[in-house]
PDB file of N, CA and C in Angstrom:
ATOM      1  N   UNK A   1       0.186  -1.454   0.268  1.00  0.00           N
ATOM      2  CA  UNK A   1       0.014  -0.122   0.063  1.00  0.00           C
ATOM      3  C   UNK A   1       1.149   1.351  -0.007  1.00  0.00           C
ATOM      4  N   UNK A   2       0.663   1.879  -1.231  1.00  0.00           N
ATOM      5  CA  UNK A   2       1.783   3.174  -0.991  1.00  0.00           C
ATOM      6  C   UNK A   2       1.297   4.534   0.055  1.00  0.00           C
ATOM      7  N   UNK A   3       1.886   4.793   1.349  1.00  0.00           N
ATOM      8  CA  UNK A   3       1.676   5.689   2.147  1.00  0.00           C
ATOM      9  C   UNK A   3       1.001   7.406   1.652  1.00  0.00           C
ATOM     10  N   UNK A   4       1.812   7.369   0.971  1.00  0.00           N
ATOM     11  CA  UNK A   4       1.582   9.179   0.652  1.00  0.00           C
ATOM     12  C   UNK A   4       0.587   9.797   0.283  1.00  0.00           C
ATOM     13  N   UNK A   5      -0.489   9.172  -0.157  1.00  0.00           N
ATOM     14  CA  UNK A   5      -1.575   9.610  -1.237  1.00  0.00           C
ATOM     15  C   UNK A   5      -3.266   8.137  -0.219  1.00  0.00           C
ATOM     16  N   UNK A   6      -2.586   7.570   0.697  1.00  0.00           N
ATOM     17  CA  UNK A   6      -3.541   6.621   0.327  1.00  0.00           C
ATOM     18  C   UNK A   6      -3.613   6.573   2.009  1.00  0.00           C
ATOM     19  N   UNK A   7      -4.979   5.848   2.618  1.00  0.00           N
ATOM     20  CA  UNK A   7      -4.936   5.885   4.167  1.00  0.00           C
ATOM     21  C   UNK A   7      -6.168   4.416   3.795  1.00  0.00           C
ATOM     22  N   UNK A   8      -6.062   3.736   5.240  1.00  0.00           N
ATOM     23  CA  UNK A   8      -6.587   2.864   6.039  1.00  0.00           C
ATOM     24  C   UNK A   8      -8.106   2.891   5.867  1.00  0.00           C
ATOM     25  N   UNK A   9      -9.361   2.434   4.972  1.00  0.00           N
ATOM     26  CA  UNK A   9     -10.743   2.908   5.242  1.00  0.00           C
ATOM     27  C   UNK A   9     -11.472   1.997   6.710  1.00  0.00           C
ATOM     28  N   UNK A  10     -12.251   2.270   7.376  1.00  0.00           N
ATOM     29  CA  UNK A  10     -12.772   1.494   7.791  1.00  0.00           C
ATOM     30  C   UNK A  10     -13.331   0.457   7.450  1.00  0.00           C
ATOM     31  N   UNK A  11     -13.464  -0.288   6.536  1.00  0.00           N
ATOM     32  CA  UNK A  11     -13.249  -1.353   5.358  1.00  0.00           C
ATOM     33  C   UNK A  11     -12.183  -1.813   5.746  1.00  0.00           C
ATOM     34  N   UNK A  12     -11.370  -1.581   5.691  1.00  0.00           N
ATOM     35  CA  UNK A  12     -10.198  -2.774   5.204  1.00  0.00           C
ATOM     36  C   UNK A  12      -9.590  -1.888   4.391  1.00  0.00           C
ATOM     37  N   UNK A  13     -10.610  -1.815   2.618  1.00  0.00           N
ATOM     38  CA  UNK A  13      -9.853  -1.236   1.671  1.00  0.00           C
ATOM     39  C   UNK A  13      -9.821   0.088   1.809  1.00  0.00           C
ATOM     40  N   UNK A  14      -8.219   0.566   0.727  1.00  0.00           N
ATOM     41  CA  UNK A  14      -7.587   1.340   1.085  1.00  0.00           C
ATOM     42  C   UNK A  14      -7.813   2.355  -0.159  1.00  0.00           C
ATOM     43  N   UNK A  15      -8.021   3.767   0.499  1.00  0.00           N
ATOM     44  CA  UNK A  15      -8.830   5.145   0.030  1.00  0.00           C
ATOM     45  C   UNK A  15      -8.055   5.997  -0.535  1.00  0.00           C
ATOM     46  N   UNK A  16      -7.854   6.526  -1.137  1.00  0.00           N
ATOM     47  CA  UNK A  16      -7.304   7.674  -1.391  1.00  0.00           C
ATOM     48  C   UNK A  16      -7.213   8.998  -1.270  1.00  0.00           C
ATOM     49  N   UNK A  17      -5.915   9.508  -0.802  1.00  0.00           N
ATOM     50  CA  UNK A  17      -7.219  11.605  -0.707  1.00  0.00           C
ATOM     51  C   UNK A  17      -7.693  12.064  -1.418  1.00  0.00           C
ATOM     52  N   UNK A  18      -7.686  11.287  -2.984  1.00  0.00           N
ATOM     53  CA  UNK A  18      -7.824  12.302  -3.862  1.00  0.00           C
ATOM     54  C   UNK A  18      -9.254  11.801  -4.671  1.00  0.00           C
ATOM     55  N   UNK A  19     -10.399  10.681  -3.825  1.00  0.00           N
ATOM     56  CA  UNK A  19     -11.296  10.611  -3.620  1.00  0.00           C
ATOM     57  C   UNK A  19     -12.540  11.080  -4.284  1.00  0.00           C
ATOM     58  N   UNK A  20     -12.595  12.153  -3.240  1.00  0.00           N
ATOM     59  CA  UNK A  20     -13.416  13.527  -3.089  1.00  0.00           C
ATOM     60  C   UNK A  20     -13.070  14.258  -3.825  1.00  0.00           C
ATOM     61  N   UNK A  21     -14.436  14.813  -4.425  1.00  0.00           N
ATOM     62  CA  UNK A  21     -14.505  15.862  -5.462  1.00  0.00           C
ATOM     63  C   UNK A  21     -14.180  17.252  -4.818  1.00  0.00           C
ATOM     64  N   UNK A  22     -13.460  18.005  -5.988  1.00  0.00           N
ATOM     65  CA  UNK A  22     -13.572  18.923  -4.947  1.00  0.00           C
ATOM     66  C   UNK A  22     -14.723  20.026  -5.019  1.00  0.00           C
ATOM     67  N   UNK A  23     -14.732  21.253  -4.201  1.00  0.00           N
ATOM     68  CA  UNK A  23     -15.748  21.422  -4.404  1.00  0.00           C
ATOM     69  C   UNK A  23     -15.617  22.931  -5.675  1.00  0.00           C
ATOM     70  N   UNK A  24     -16.294  22.792  -5.068  1.00  0.00           N
ATOM     71  CA  UNK A  24     -16.821  24.185  -6.761  1.00  0.00           C
ATOM     72  C   UNK A  24     -16.945  26.112  -6.154  1.00  0.00           C
ATOM     73  N   UNK A  25     -16.615  25.403  -4.798  1.00  0.00           N
ATOM     74  CA  UNK A  25     -16.584  27.254  -3.719  1.00  0.00           C
ATOM     75  C   UNK A  25     -15.743  27.165  -2.843  1.00  0.00           C
ATOM     76  N   UNK A  26     -15.272  28.220  -2.505  1.00  0.00           N
ATOM     77  CA  UNK A  26     -13.943  27.634  -1.302  1.00  0.00           C
ATOM     78  C   UNK A  26     -14.924  27.709  -0.197  1.00  0.00           C
ATOM     79  N   UNK A  27     -14.215  27.164   0.694  1.00  0.00           N
ATOM     80  CA  UNK A  27     -15.418  26.662   2.198  1.00  0.00           C
ATOM     81  C   UNK A  27     -15.202  28.330   3.034  1.00  0.00           C
ATOM     82  N   UNK A  28     -16.322  28.799   3.120  1.00  0.00           N
ATOM     83  CA  UNK A  28     -16.438  29.630   4.217  1.00  0.00           C
ATOM     84  C   UNK A  28     -17.016  29.481   5.863  1.00  0.00           C
ATOM     85  N   UNK A  29     -16.812  29.947   6.909  1.00  0.00           N
ATOM     86  CA  UNK A  29     -17.303  29.812   7.812  1.00  0.00           C
ATOM     87  C   UNK A  29     -19.350  29.802   7.627  1.00  0.00           C
ATOM     88  N   UNK A  30     -20.155  29.958   6.907  1.00  0.00           N
ATOM     89  CA  UNK A  30     -21.771  29.605   7.069  1.00  0.00           C
ATOM     90  C   UNK A  30     -21.535  29.013   6.842  1.00  0.00           C
ATOM     91  N   UNK A  31     -19.984  27.840   6.166  1.00  0.00           N
ATOM     92  CA  UNK A  31     -20.359  26.641   5.212  1.00  0.00           C
ATOM     93  C   UNK A  31     -20.418  25.706   6.778  1.00  0.00           C
ATOM     94  N   UNK A  32     -19.297  26.044   7.536  1.00  0.00           N
ATOM     95  CA  UNK A  32     -19.311  25.582   9.067  1.00  0.00           C
ATOM     96  C   UNK A  32     -20.589  25.717   9.715  1.00  0.00           C
ATOM     97  N   UNK A  33     -20.402  27.043   9.793  1.00  0.00           N
ATOM     98  CA  UNK A  33     -22.017  27.236  10.410  1.00  0.00           C
ATOM     99  C   UNK A  33     -23.481  26.788  10.424  1.00  0.00           C
ATOM    100  N   UNK A  34     -23.605  26.031   8.993  1.00  0.00           N
ATOM    101  CA  UNK A  34     -24.667  25.498   8.940  1.00  0.00           C
ATOM    102  C   UNK A  34     -24.270  24.016   9.239  1.00  0.00           C
ATOM    103  N   UNK A  35     -23.100  23.091   8.713  1.00  0.00           N
ATOM    104  CA  UNK A  35     -22.977  21.824   8.678  1.00  0.00           C
ATOM    105  C   UNK A  35     -23.406  21.842  10.183  1.00  0.00           C
ATOM    106  N   UNK A  36     -22.677  22.446  11.997  1.00  0.00           N
ATOM    107  CA  UNK A  36     -23.191  22.807  12.934  1.00  0.00           C
ATOM    108  C   UNK A  36     -24.185  22.344  13.742  1.00  0.00           C
ATOM    109  N   UNK A  37     -25.062  23.854  12.539  1.00  0.00           N
ATOM    110  CA  UNK A  37     -26.637  22.967  12.288  1.00  0.00           C
ATOM    111  C   UNK A  37     -27.606  21.518  12.421  1.00  0.00           C
ATOM    112  N   UNK A  38     -26.012  21.277  11.616  1.00  0.00           N
ATOM    113  CA  UNK A  38     -27.079  20.101  11.760  1.00  0.00           C
ATOM    114  C   UNK A  38     -26.475  19.388  11.784  1.00  0.00           C
ATOM    115  N   UNK A  39     -26.155  18.911  12.586  1.00  0.00           N
ATOM    116  CA  UNK A  39     -24.670  18.015  14.177  1.00  0.00           C
ATOM    117  C   UNK A  39     -26.078  17.492  14.924  1.00  0.00           C
ATOM    118  N   UNK A  40     -25.753  16.165  15.210  1.00  0.00           N
ATOM    119  CA  UNK A  40     -26.970  15.459  16.027  1.00  0.00           C
ATOM    120  C   UNK A  40     -27.381  16.292  17.889  1.00  0.00           C
ATOM    121  N   UNK A  41     -27.913  16.463  17.968  1.00  0.00           N
ATOM    122  CA  UNK A  41     -28.656  17.831  19.005  1.00  0.00           C
ATOM    123  C   UNK A  41     -28.945  19.053  18.259  1.00  0.00           C
ATOM    124  N   UNK A  42     -29.059  19.309  17.418  1.00  0.00           N
ATOM    125  CA  UNK A  42     -29.406  20.529  17.131  1.00  0.00           C
ATOM    126  C   UNK A  42     -30.510  20.148  16.126  1.00  0.00           C
ATOM    127  N   UNK A  43     -31.673  21.496  16.450  1.00  0.00           N
ATOM    128  CA  UNK A  43     -32.130  21.451  15.438  1.00  0.00           C
ATOM    129  C   UNK A  43     -32.395  21.303  13.574  1.00  0.00           C
ATOM    130  N   UNK A  44     -33.669  21.292  12.472  1.00  0.00           N
ATOM    131  CA  UNK A  44     -32.819  21.275  11.300  1.00  0.00           C
ATOM    132  C   UNK A  44     -33.628  23.063  11.647  1.00  0.00           C
ATOM    133  N   UNK A  45     -33.749  23.699  10.522  1.00  0.00           N
ATOM    134  CA  UNK A  45     -33.730  24.721   9.999  1.00  0.00           C
ATOM    135  C   UNK A  45     -34.999  25.590   9.943  1.00  0.00           C
ATOM    136  N   UNK A  46     -35.570  26.099  10.279  1.00  0.00           N
ATOM    137  CA  UNK A  46     -37.236  25.923  10.362  1.00  0.00           C
ATOM    138  C   UNK A  46     -37.675  27.107   9.316  1.00  0.00           C
ATOM    139  N   UNK A  47     -36.640  27.488   8.387  1.00  0.00           N
ATOM    140  CA  UNK A  47     -36.780  28.258   6.856  1.00  0.00           C
ATOM    141  C   UNK A  47     -37.595  29.293   7.386  1.00  0.00           C
ATOM    142  N   UNK A  48     -37.525  30.721   8.953  1.00  0.00           N
ATOM    143  CA  UNK A  48     -38.248  31.916   8.579  1.00  0.00           C
ATOM    144  C   UNK A  48     -36.644  32.078   9.449  1.00  0.00           C
ATOM    145  N   UNK A  49     -36.403  32.785   9.083  1.00  0.00           N
ATOM    146  CA  UNK A  49     -35.162  33.982   9.762  1.00  0.00           C
ATOM    147  C   UNK A  49     -36.011  34.766  10.768  1.00  0.00           C
ATOM    148  N   UNK A  50     -35.116  35.246  11.596  1.00  0.00           N
ATOM    149  CA  UNK A  50     -35.757  36.353  13.059  1.00  0.00           C
ATOM    150  C   UNK A  50     -35.136  37.391  11.601  1.00  0.00           C
ATOM    151  N   UNK A  51     -36.142  38.083  12.022  1.00  0.00           N
ATOM    152  CA  UNK A  51     -36.105  39.942  11.931  1.00  0.00           C
ATOM    153  C   UNK A  51     -34.758  40.179  12.372  1.00  0.00           C
ATOM    154  N   UNK A  52     -34.343  41.013  11.924  1.00  0.00           N
ATOM    155  CA  UNK A  52     -33.120  42.212  12.477  1.00  0.00           C
ATOM    156  C   UNK A  52     -33.341  42.933  12.716  1.00  0.00           C
ATOM    157  N   UNK A  53     -32.939  43.512  13.868  1.00  0.00           N
ATOM    158  CA  UNK A  53     -33.727  45.016  14.904  1.00  0.00           C
ATOM    159  C   UNK A  53     -32.919  46.001  14.648  1.00  0.00           C
ATOM    160  N   UNK A  54     -31.690  45.485  14.200  1.00  0.00           N
ATOM    161  CA  UNK A  54     -31.070  46.675  14.037  1.00  0.00           C
ATOM    162  C   UNK A  54     -30.017  46.340  12.356  1.00  0.00           C
ATOM    163  N   UNK A  55     -29.619  47.865  12.612  1.00  0.00           N
ATOM    164  CA  UNK A  55     -28.690  46.704  11.202  1.00  0.00           C
ATOM    165  C   UNK A  55     -27.289  47.751  11.006  1.00  0.00           C
ATOM    166  N   UNK A  56     -26.317  47.429  10.724  1.00  0.00           N
ATOM    167  CA  UNK A  56     -24.431  47.826  10.333  1.00  0.00           C
ATOM    168  C   UNK A  56     -24.475  49.141   9.462  1.00  0.00           C
ATOM    169  N   UNK A  57     -22.821  50.384   9.570  1.00  0.00           N
ATOM    170  CA  UNK A  57     -23.976  50.990   8.434  1.00  0.00           C
ATOM    171  C   UNK A  57     -24.181  50.365   7.052  1.00  0.00           C
ATOM    172  N   UNK A  58     -22.870  48.899   7.013  1.00  0.00           N
ATOM    173  CA  UNK A  58     -22.325  48.428   5.651  1.00  0.00           C
ATOM    174  C   UNK A  58     -23.915  47.862   5.601  1.00  0.00           C
ATOM    175  N   UNK A  59     -25.022  47.299   6.438  1.00  0.00           N
ATOM    176  CA  UNK A  59     -26.081  46.726   6.321  1.00  0.00           C
ATOM    177  C   UNK A  59     -26.703  47.860   5.708  1.00  0.00           C
ATOM    178  N   UNK A  60     -27.019  48.216   7.086  1.00  0.00           N
ATOM    179  CA  UNK A  60     -27.866  49.287   6.154  1.00  0.00           C
ATOM    180  C   UNK A  60     -27.993  50.178   4.500  1.00  0.00           C
ATOM    181  N   UNK A  61     -26.479  50.660   4.320  1.00  0.00           N
ATOM    182  CA  UNK A  61     -25.682  50.654   2.476  1.00  0.00           C
ATOM    183  C   UNK A  61     -26.922  50.334   1.757  1.00  0.00           C
ATOM    184  N   UNK A  62     -26.814  48.532   1.905  1.00  0.00           N
ATOM    185  CA  UNK A  62     -26.920  47.933   1.448  1.00  0.00           C
ATOM    186  C   UNK A  62     -28.500  47.263   0.538  1.00  0.00           C
ATOM    187  N   UNK A  63     -28.648  47.509   2.105  1.00  0.00           N
ATOM    188  CA  UNK A  63     -30.400  47.110   1.682  1.00  0.00           C
ATOM    189  C   UNK A  63     -30.737  48.773   0.982  1.00  0.00           C
ATOM    190  N   UNK A  64     -30.336  49.822   1.623  1.00  0.00           N
ATOM    191  CA  UNK A  64     -30.621  51.194   0.245  1.00  0.00           C
ATOM    192  C   UNK A  64     -30.531  51.424  -0.874  1.00  0.00           C
ATOM    193  N   UNK A  65     -29.583  50.106  -1.108  1.00  0.00           N
ATOM    194  CA  UNK A  65     -28.265  50.465  -2.361  1.00  0.00           C
ATOM    195  C   UNK A  65     -27.904  51.994  -2.688  1.00  0.00           C
ATOM    196  N   UNK A  66     -27.596  51.647  -1.492  1.00  0.00           N
ATOM    197  CA  UNK A  66     -26.122  53.664  -1.675  1.00  0.00           C
ATOM    198  C   UNK A  66     -25.295  53.120  -0.936  1.00  0.00           C
ATOM    199  N   UNK A  67     -24.008  53.973  -0.847  1.00  0.00           N
ATOM    200  CA  UNK A  67     -23.053  53.992  -0.300  1.00  0.00           C
ATOM    201  C   UNK A  67     -22.173  54.534   1.069  1.00  0.00           C
ATOM    202  N   UNK A  68     -21.680  53.916   1.586  1.00  0.00           N
ATOM    203  CA  UNK A  68     -21.633  53.647   3.803  1.00  0.00           C
ATOM    204  C   UNK A  68     -21.007  55.103   3.589  1.00  0.00           C
ATOM    205  N   UNK A  69     -20.527  56.325   2.760  1.00  0.00           N
ATOM    206  CA  UNK A  69     -20.606  57.596   3.009  1.00  0.00           C
ATOM    207  C   UNK A  69     -22.057  58.513   3.348  1.00  0.00           C
ATOM    208  N   UNK A  70     -22.494  57.905   2.456  1.00  0.00           N
ATOM    209  CA  UNK A  70     -24.464  58.675   2.700  1.00  0.00           C
ATOM    210  C   UNK A  70     -24.802  58.345   3.527  1.00  0.00           C
ATOM    211  N   UNK A  71     -24.732  57.185   4.198  1.00  0.00           N
ATOM    212  CA  UNK A  71     -25.518  56.538   5.240  1.00  0.00           C
ATOM    213  C   UNK A  71     -24.773  57.412   6.077  1.00  0.00           C
ATOM    214  N   UNK A  72     -23.288  57.497   6.507  1.00  0.00           N
ATOM    215  CA  UNK A  72     -22.874  58.548   7.501  1.00  0.00           C
ATOM    216  C   UNK A  72     -22.902  59.516   7.776  1.00  0.00           C
ATOM    217  N   UNK A  73     -23.291  60.420   6.152  1.00  0.00           N
ATOM    218  CA  UNK A  73     -23.933  61.705   5.956  1.00  0.00           C
ATOM    219  C   UNK A  73     -24.935  61.769   6.449  1.00  0.00           C
ATOM    220  N   UNK A  74     -25.352  60.728   6.751  1.00  0.00           N
ATOM    221  CA  UNK A  74     -26.781  60.913   7.049  1.00  0.00           C
ATOM    222  C   UNK A  74     -26.925  60.829   8.587  1.00  0.00           C
ATOM    223  N   UNK A  75     -26.151  60.152   9.097  1.00  0.00           N
ATOM    224  CA  UNK A  75     -26.358  60.067  10.430  1.00  0.00           C
ATOM    225  C   UNK A  75     -24.967  61.067  10.963  1.00  0.00           C
ATOM    226  N   UNK A  76     -24.415  61.886  10.273  1.00  0.00           N
ATOM    227  CA  UNK A  76     -23.982  63.148  11.088  1.00  0.00           C
ATOM    228  C   UNK A  76     -24.592  63.603  10.657  1.00  0.00           C
ATOM    229  N   UNK A  77     -26.209  63.901  10.046  1.00  0.00           N
ATOM    230  CA  UNK A  77     -26.905  65.244   9.590  1.00  0.00           C
ATOM    231  C   UNK A  77     -27.933  65.118  10.774  1.00  0.00           C
ATOM    232  N   UNK A  78     -27.237  64.002  11.258  1.00  0.00           N
ATOM    233  CA  UNK A  78     -29.342  64.029  12.322  1.00  0.00           C
ATOM    234  C   UNK A  78     -30.509  63.163  11.413  1.00  0.00           C
ATOM    235  N   UNK A  79     -30.247  62.530  10.367  1.00  0.00           N
ATOM    236  CA  UNK A  79     -31.178  62.366   9.986  1.00  0.00           C
ATOM    237  C   UNK A  79     -32.068  60.461  10.042  1.00  0.00           C
ATOM    238  N   UNK A  80     -30.795  60.547  10.517  1.00  0.00           N
ATOM    239  CA  UNK A  80     -30.241  59.023  10.809  1.00  0.00           C
ATOM    240  C   UNK A  80     -29.716  58.986  12.095  1.00  0.00           C
ATOM    241  N   UNK A  81     -30.531  57.976  13.213  1.00  0.00           N
ATOM    242  CA  UNK A  81     -29.482  58.044  14.375  1.00  0.00           C
ATOM    243  C   UNK A  81     -29.517  56.988  15.061  1.00  0.00           C
ATOM    244  N   UNK A  82     -28.137  56.481  15.388  1.00  0.00           N
ATOM    245  CA  UNK A  82     -27.421  55.337  15.781  1.00  0.00           C
ATOM    246  C   UNK A  82     -27.115  55.321  17.539  1.00  0.00           C
ATOM    247  N   UNK A  83     -27.440  53.828  17.887  1.00  0.00           N
ATOM    248  CA  UNK A  83     -27.113  53.186  18.209  1.00  0.00           C
ATOM    249  C   UNK A  83     -25.685  54.040  18.931  1.00  0.00           C
ATOM    250  N   UNK A  84     -24.951  53.867  20.021  1.00  0.00           N
ATOM    251  CA  UNK A  84     -23.555  54.642  20.566  1.00  0.00           C
ATOM    252  C   UNK A  84     -23.264  53.592  21.449  1.00  0.00           C
ATOM    253  N   UNK A  85     -23.135  52.070  21.944  1.00  0.00           N
ATOM    254  CA  UNK A  85     -23.449  51.455  23.395  1.00  0.00           C
ATOM    255  C   UNK A  85     -22.370  50.502  22.814  1.00  0.00           C
ATOM    256  N   UNK A  86     -21.819  50.625  21.423  1.00  0.00           N
ATOM    257  CA  UNK A  86     -21.628  49.496  20.897  1.00  0.00           C
ATOM    258  C   UNK A  86     -20.753  50.122  20.683  1.00  0.00           C
ATOM    259  N   UNK A  87     -19.382  48.609  19.520  1.00  0.00           N
ATOM    260  CA  UNK A  87     -18.458  49.882  19.273  1.00  0.00           C
ATOM    261  C   UNK A  87     -18.473  49.433  18.094  1.00  0.00           C
ATOM    262  N   UNK A  88     -19.824  49.395  17.228  1.00  0.00           N
ATOM    263  CA  UNK A  88     -20.437  49.527  16.154  1.00  0.00           C
ATOM    264  C   UNK A  88     -21.702  49.751  15.972  1.00  0.00           C
ATOM    265  N   UNK A  89     -22.170  51.359  15.054  1.00  0.00           N
ATOM    266  CA  UNK A  89     -22.768  51.778  15.508  1.00  0.00           C
ATOM    267  C   UNK A  89     -24.343  50.724  14.623  1.00  0.00           C
ATOM    268  N   UNK A  90     -24.759  50.910  15.064  1.00  0.00           N
ATOM    269  CA  UNK A  90     -26.903  50.074  15.141  1.00  0.00           C
ATOM    270  C   UNK A  90     -27.522  51.217  14.894  1.00  0.00           C
ATOM    271  N   UNK A  91     -27.875  51.164  13.306  1.00  0.00           N
ATOM    272  CA  UNK A  91     -29.307  51.731  13.535  1.00  0.00           C
ATOM    273  C   UNK A  91     -30.290  50.936  13.578  1.00  0.00           C
ATOM    274  N   UNK A  92     -31.280  51.361  14.206  1.00  0.00           N
ATOM    275  CA  UNK A  92     -32.435  50.652  13.845  1.00  0.00           C
ATOM    276  C   UNK A  92     -33.013  50.174  12.688  1.00  0.00           C
ATOM    277  N   UNK A  93     -33.683  49.189  12.314  1.00  0.00           N
ATOM    278  CA  UNK A  93     -34.578  49.553  11.278  1.00  0.00           C
ATOM    279  C   UNK A  93     -35.622  49.615  11.171  1.00  0.00           C
ATOM    280  N   UNK A  94     -36.103  49.935  12.251  1.00  0.00           N
ATOM    281  CA  UNK A  94     -37.730  50.768  12.606  1.00  0.00           C
ATOM    282  C   UNK A  94     -36.321  52.601  11.487  1.00  0.00           C
ATOM    283  N   UNK A  95     -35.750  53.018  12.386  1.00  0.00           N
ATOM    284  CA  UNK A  95     -34.962  54.533  11.852  1.00  0.00           C
ATOM    285  C   UNK A  95     -35.243  54.490  10.065  1.00  0.00           C
ATOM    286  N   UNK A  96     -34.607  53.499   9.486  1.00  0.00           N
ATOM    287  CA  UNK A  96     -34.351  53.664   7.889  1.00  0.00           C
ATOM    288  C   UNK A  96     -35.756  53.446   7.561  1.00  0.00           C
ATOM    289  N   UNK A  97     -36.836  52.526   8.583  1.00  0.00           N
ATOM    290  CA  UNK A  97     -38.085  53.062   8.089  1.00  0.00           C
ATOM    291  C   UNK A  97     -39.139  53.908   7.992  1.00  0.00           C
ATOM    292  N   UNK A  98     -38.388  54.731   8.157  1.00  0.00           N
ATOM    293  CA  UNK A  98     -38.941  56.510   8.564  1.00  0.00           C
ATOM    294  C   UNK A  98     -39.046  56.902   7.934  1.00  0.00           C
ATOM    295  N   UNK A  99     -37.399  56.658   7.618  1.00  0.00           N
ATOM    296  CA  UNK A  99     -35.792  57.796   6.466  1.00  0.00           C
ATOM    297  C   UNK A  99     -37.146  57.731   4.706  1.00  0.00           C
ATOM    298  N   UNK A 100     -37.305  56.553   5.330  1.00  0.00           N
ATOM    299  CA  UNK A 100     -38.199  55.608   3.783  1.00  0.00           C
ATOM    300  C   UNK A 100     -39.414  56.357   3.563  1.00  0.00           C
ATOM    301  N   UNK A 101     -39.949  56.165   4.601  1.00  0.00           N
ATOM    302  CA  UNK A 101     -41.220  57.370   4.531  1.00  0.00           C
ATOM    303  C   UNK A 101     -41.480  58.561   5.718  1.00  0.00           C
ATOM    304  N   UNK A 102     -40.812  59.008   5.382  1.00  0.00           N
ATOM    305  CA  UNK A 102     -41.050  60.416   5.330  1.00  0.00           C
ATOM    306  C   UNK A 102     -39.975  61.120   4.302  1.00  0.00           C
ATOM    307  N   UNK A 103     -39.201  60.724   3.365  1.00  0.00           N
ATOM    308  CA  UNK A 103     -38.968  61.296   2.125  1.00  0.00           C
ATOM    309  C   UNK A 103     -39.889  60.620   0.813  1.00  0.00           C
ATOM    310  N   UNK A 104     -40.841  59.789   0.693  1.00  0.00           N
ATOM    311  CA  UNK A 104     -40.970  59.486  -0.171  1.00  0.00           C
ATOM    312  C   UNK A 104     -42.611  60.225  -0.575  1.00  0.00           C
ATOM    313  N   UNK A 105     -42.896  60.780  -1.653  1.00  0.00           N
ATOM    314  CA  UNK A 105     -44.034  61.738  -2.049  1.00  0.00           C
ATOM    315  C   UNK A 105     -45.480  60.826  -1.944  1.00  0.00           C
ATOM    316  N   UNK A 106     -46.504  60.996  -1.285  1.00  0.00           N
ATOM    317  CA  UNK A 106     -48.017  61.379  -1.308  1.00  0.00           C
ATOM    318  C   UNK A 106     -48.170  60.404  -2.694  1.00  0.00           C
ATOM    319  N   UNK A 107     -48.596  59.211  -2.550  1.00  0.00           N
ATOM    320  CA  UNK A 107     -49.348  58.709  -3.701  1.00  0.00           C
ATOM    321  C   UNK A 107     -50.192  58.924  -4.476  1.00  0.00           C
ATOM    322  N   UNK A 108     -49.943  59.007  -6.309  1.00  0.00           N
ATOM    323  CA  UNK A 108     -51.187  59.778  -6.482  1.00  0.00           C
ATOM    324  C   UNK A 108     -52.448  59.152  -6.913  1.00  0.00           C
ATOM    325  N   UNK A 109     -53.773  59.612  -7.045  1.00  0.00           N
ATOM    326  CA  UNK A 109     -54.695  59.116  -7.120  1.00  0.00           C
ATOM    327  C   UNK A 109     -54.670  59.020  -8.811  1.00  0.00           C
ATOM    328  N   UNK A 110     -55.542  57.898  -8.327  1.00  0.00           N
ATOM    329  CA  UNK A 110     -56.014  57.965 -10.434  1.00  0.00           C
ATOM    330  C   UNK A 110     -56.690  58.538 -11.007  1.00  0.00           C
ATOM    331  N   UNK A 111     -58.123  58.372 -10.237  1.00  0.00           N
ATOM    332  CA  UNK A 111     -59.256  59.166 -10.690  1.00  0.00           C
ATOM    333  C   UNK A 111     -58.817  61.189 -11.734  1.00  0.00           C
TER     334      UNK A 111
END
């Protein structure tokens, strides 16, 4: 048996390290978290993701499809407010929704 690329499989059959197909994308920590959730003792995901109460500056910028600089300007002007209790600024989801409602025009009637 060649010791370079093989190991002894549980059934006594030699198996090479090249038998596993390479993955199409690189491994991420999200893959690890998903694998841990599927381990015995962990319940399977229910399919609904809990709604986050607050967003970081980067997440708020992504959700509004603007740059992080724009979000920081809105924070500096006092249009949006963020929690300062942590190292990251957290913008409550209600602030973002209120900003959108306040800056949208009223719908025009069709009549």
